[in-house]
Amino acid sequence: MNTEEVAKKVVEVVRKQAWYDALDLYDDNIVSVEAYSAGGGSPETRGKEGVRGKIDWWVNAMEVHSFKPRTAVRSRRTP
């Protein structure tokens, strides 16, 4: 799959709130970056296992009342 196809697939599974299925579409070396890190730790989480831990925390800590992603977003590299 090319980048656009992967982005569309991510949106498709996220719309179903299938967070772990979406994670499976990413590379093993995924990096998740938060704008702010509680407790003074690194805002970066590296690797699928680390990101899976973030998903576990989110699923157990949050109650989603409404969720409606609209489009796939991808960055464009300039030469």
N, C-alpha and C. Protein backbone atom coordinates (compact mmCIF):
# COMPACT_ATOMS: atom_id res chain seq x y z
N MET A 1 0.84 -1.18 0.00
CA MET A 1 0.00 0.00 0.00
C MET A 1 0.88 1.24 0.00
N ASN A 2 0.43 2.26 -0.70
CA ASN A 2 1.15 3.53 -0.66
C ASN A 2 0.66 4.35 0.54
N THR A 3 1.27 5.51 0.76
CA THR A 3 0.95 6.33 1.92
C THR A 3 -0.52 6.72 1.97
N GLU A 4 -1.07 7.12 0.85
CA GLU A 4 -2.48 7.54 0.82
C GLU A 4 -3.42 6.38 1.16
N GLU A 5 -3.12 5.19 0.64
CA GLU A 5 -3.95 4.02 0.93
C GLU A 5 -3.89 3.66 2.42
N VAL A 6 -2.69 3.75 3.00
CA VAL A 6 -2.54 3.48 4.43
C VAL A 6 -3.32 4.50 5.24
N ALA A 7 -3.22 5.78 4.87
CA ALA A 7 -3.94 6.84 5.59
C ALA A 7 -5.44 6.59 5.55
N LYS A 8 -5.95 6.22 4.41
CA LYS A 8 -7.39 5.94 4.29
C LYS A 8 -7.79 4.74 5.14
N LYS A 9 -6.93 3.72 5.19
CA LYS A 9 -7.22 2.54 6.00
C LYS A 9 -7.19 2.90 7.48
N VAL A 10 -6.24 3.74 7.90
CA VAL A 10 -6.18 4.19 9.30
C VAL A 10 -7.48 4.90 9.66
N VAL A 11 -7.94 5.81 8.81
CA VAL A 11 -9.19 6.52 9.07
C VAL A 11 -10.35 5.54 9.15
N GLU A 12 -10.38 4.56 8.26
CA GLU A 12 -11.46 3.57 8.26
C GLU A 12 -11.54 2.83 9.59
N VAL A 13 -10.40 2.36 10.12
CA VAL A 13 -10.45 1.59 11.36
C VAL A 13 -10.63 2.50 12.58
N VAL A 14 -10.10 3.71 12.52
CA VAL A 14 -10.27 4.64 13.65
C VAL A 14 -11.74 5.07 13.76
N ARG A 15 -12.41 5.21 12.65
CA ARG A 15 -13.85 5.53 12.69
C ARG A 15 -14.64 4.48 13.47
N LYS A 16 -14.11 3.27 13.48
CA LYS A 16 -14.74 2.18 14.24
C LYS A 16 -14.20 2.11 15.66
N GLN A 17 -13.33 3.05 16.01
CA GLN A 17 -12.64 3.09 17.29
C GLN A 17 -11.83 1.81 17.52
N ALA A 18 -11.29 1.26 16.45
CA ALA A 18 -10.47 0.06 16.51
C ALA A 18 -9.00 0.49 16.61
N TRP A 19 -8.67 1.05 17.76
CA TRP A 19 -7.35 1.68 17.96
C TRP A 19 -6.20 0.70 17.72
N TYR A 20 -6.33 -0.53 18.20
CA TYR A 20 -5.25 -1.51 18.07
C TYR A 20 -5.08 -1.95 16.62
N ASP A 21 -6.18 -2.05 15.89
CA ASP A 21 -6.10 -2.39 14.46
C ASP A 21 -5.39 -1.27 13.70
N ALA A 22 -5.65 -0.03 14.09
CA ALA A 22 -4.96 1.10 13.45
C ALA A 22 -3.47 1.02 13.73
N LEU A 23 -3.10 0.69 14.95
CA LEU A 23 -1.68 0.59 15.31
C LEU A 23 -0.97 -0.45 14.46
N ASP A 24 -1.65 -1.53 14.12
CA ASP A 24 -1.05 -2.58 13.30
C ASP A 24 -0.63 -2.09 11.92
N LEU A 25 -1.21 -0.99 11.47
CA LEU A 25 -0.87 -0.44 10.15
C LEU A 25 0.42 0.37 10.15
N TYR A 26 0.93 0.69 11.34
CA TYR A 26 2.14 1.51 11.46
C TYR A 26 3.39 0.63 11.54
N ASP A 27 4.52 1.23 11.24
CA ASP A 27 5.82 0.57 11.34
C ASP A 27 6.14 0.24 12.79
N ASP A 28 6.96 -0.78 13.02
CA ASP A 28 7.36 -1.15 14.38
C ASP A 28 8.09 -0.02 15.09
N ASN A 29 8.70 0.87 14.34
CA ASN A 29 9.48 1.98 14.91
C ASN A 29 8.66 3.26 15.02
N ILE A 30 7.35 3.14 15.19
CA ILE A 30 6.48 4.30 15.32
C ILE A 30 6.94 5.19 16.46
N VAL A 31 6.77 6.51 16.28
CA VAL A 31 7.05 7.48 17.34
C VAL A 31 5.79 8.32 17.53
N SER A 32 5.28 8.33 18.76
CA SER A 32 4.12 9.14 19.12
C SER A 32 4.63 10.30 19.96
N VAL A 33 4.28 11.53 19.56
CA VAL A 33 4.78 12.72 20.25
C VAL A 33 3.61 13.52 20.80
N GLU A 34 3.65 13.79 22.08
CA GLU A 34 2.64 14.61 22.75
C GLU A 34 3.15 16.05 22.84
N ALA A 35 2.25 16.99 22.88
CA ALA A 35 2.64 18.39 23.02
C ALA A 35 3.18 18.66 24.41
N TYR A 36 2.72 17.90 25.39
CA TYR A 36 3.11 18.12 26.78
C TYR A 36 3.27 16.75 27.45
N SER A 37 4.27 16.63 28.28
CA SER A 37 4.48 15.38 29.00
C SER A 37 4.27 15.58 30.49
N ALA A 38 3.30 14.91 31.03
CA ALA A 38 3.03 15.00 32.47
C ALA A 38 4.19 14.36 33.24
N GLY A 39 4.53 14.94 34.33
CA GLY A 39 5.57 14.37 35.18
C GLY A 39 6.99 14.66 34.72
N GLY A 40 7.15 15.48 33.71
CA GLY A 40 8.48 15.87 33.27
C GLY A 40 9.21 14.84 32.43
N GLY A 41 8.56 13.76 32.06
CA GLY A 41 9.19 12.76 31.21
C GLY A 41 9.23 13.21 29.76
N SER A 42 9.74 12.35 28.92
CA SER A 42 9.83 12.65 27.49
C SER A 42 8.43 12.68 26.87
N PRO A 43 8.19 13.64 25.99
CA PRO A 43 6.89 13.66 25.30
C PRO A 43 6.81 12.60 24.20
N GLU A 44 7.92 11.89 23.93
CA GLU A 44 7.95 10.88 22.89
C GLU A 44 7.75 9.48 23.45
N THR A 45 6.96 8.71 22.74
CA THR A 45 6.82 7.28 23.02
C THR A 45 7.25 6.56 21.75
N ARG A 46 8.20 5.63 21.89
CA ARG A 46 8.76 4.95 20.72
C ARG A 46 8.40 3.47 20.69
N GLY A 47 8.09 2.99 19.49
CA GLY A 47 7.80 1.57 19.29
C GLY A 47 6.35 1.22 19.52
N LYS A 48 5.93 0.13 18.87
CA LYS A 48 4.53 -0.29 18.96
C LYS A 48 4.12 -0.66 20.38
N GLU A 49 5.00 -1.29 21.14
CA GLU A 49 4.63 -1.68 22.50
C GLU A 49 4.38 -0.45 23.36
N GLY A 50 5.22 0.59 23.22
CA GLY A 50 5.00 1.82 23.96
C GLY A 50 3.70 2.50 23.58
N VAL A 51 3.43 2.56 22.28
CA VAL A 51 2.19 3.19 21.81
C VAL A 51 0.99 2.34 22.22
N ARG A 52 1.15 1.01 22.22
CA ARG A 52 0.06 0.14 22.68
C ARG A 52 -0.26 0.45 24.15
N GLY A 53 0.76 0.75 24.95
CA GLY A 53 0.55 1.14 26.33
C GLY A 53 -0.24 2.44 26.44
N LYS A 54 0.05 3.39 25.54
CA LYS A 54 -0.72 4.65 25.53
C LYS A 54 -2.18 4.38 25.17
N ILE A 55 -2.40 3.48 24.21
CA ILE A 55 -3.77 3.13 23.84
C ILE A 55 -4.48 2.49 25.03
N ASP A 56 -3.79 1.56 25.72
CA ASP A 56 -4.39 0.92 26.90
C ASP A 56 -4.81 1.97 27.92
N TRP A 57 -3.90 2.92 28.19
CA TRP A 57 -4.22 3.98 29.15
C TRP A 57 -5.44 4.77 28.69
N TRP A 58 -5.44 5.18 27.43
CA TRP A 58 -6.53 6.01 26.90
C TRP A 58 -7.87 5.27 27.01
N VAL A 59 -7.90 4.02 26.57
CA VAL A 59 -9.14 3.25 26.58
C VAL A 59 -9.68 3.11 28.01
N ASN A 60 -8.79 2.93 28.98
CA ASN A 60 -9.22 2.74 30.36
C ASN A 60 -9.49 4.04 31.10
N ALA A 61 -8.91 5.15 30.65
CA ALA A 61 -9.04 6.41 31.38
C ALA A 61 -10.10 7.36 30.81
N MET A 62 -10.50 7.16 29.57
CA MET A 62 -11.39 8.10 28.92
C MET A 62 -12.74 7.46 28.58
N GLU A 63 -13.76 8.28 28.59
CA GLU A 63 -15.07 7.86 28.15
C GLU A 63 -15.42 8.70 26.93
N VAL A 64 -15.53 8.07 25.78
CA VAL A 64 -15.80 8.78 24.54
C VAL A 64 -17.31 8.88 24.35
N HIS A 65 -17.82 10.10 24.26
CA HIS A 65 -19.25 10.32 24.07
C HIS A 65 -19.61 10.44 22.60
N SER A 66 -18.66 10.97 21.82
CA SER A 66 -18.89 11.18 20.40
C SER A 66 -17.55 11.20 19.70
N PHE A 67 -17.51 10.61 18.52
CA PHE A 67 -16.25 10.55 17.79
C PHE A 67 -16.58 10.51 16.31
N LYS A 68 -16.03 11.48 15.54
CA LYS A 68 -16.36 11.53 14.13
C LYS A 68 -15.19 12.09 13.31
N PRO A 69 -14.18 11.25 12.99
CA PRO A 69 -13.12 11.73 12.11
C PRO A 69 -13.66 11.92 10.71
N ARG A 70 -13.14 12.89 9.99
CA ARG A 70 -13.72 13.21 8.68
C ARG A 70 -12.85 12.81 7.49
N THR A 71 -11.54 13.06 7.54
CA THR A 71 -10.70 12.78 6.38
C THR A 71 -9.34 12.24 6.80
N ALA A 72 -8.70 11.60 5.86
CA ALA A 72 -7.32 11.17 6.07
C ALA A 72 -6.40 12.35 5.81
N VAL A 73 -5.39 12.49 6.62
CA VAL A 73 -4.43 13.58 6.45
C VAL A 73 -3.05 12.98 6.24
N ARG A 74 -2.35 13.46 5.27
CA ARG A 74 -0.98 13.00 5.07
C ARG A 74 -0.11 14.20 4.76
N SER A 75 1.13 14.10 5.17
CA SER A 75 2.03 15.21 4.89
C SER A 75 2.60 15.04 3.49
N ARG A 76 2.97 16.12 2.92
CA ARG A 76 3.58 16.08 1.59
C ARG A 76 5.02 16.55 1.71
N ARG A 77 5.91 15.77 1.23
CA ARG A 77 7.32 16.13 1.27
C ARG A 77 7.64 17.03 0.09
N THR A 78 8.39 18.06 0.36
CA THR A 78 8.80 18.92 -0.73
C THR A 78 10.23 18.54 -1.12
N PRO A 79 10.52 18.55 -2.40
CA PRO A 79 11.87 18.12 -2.85
C PRO A 79 12.95 19.08 -2.39
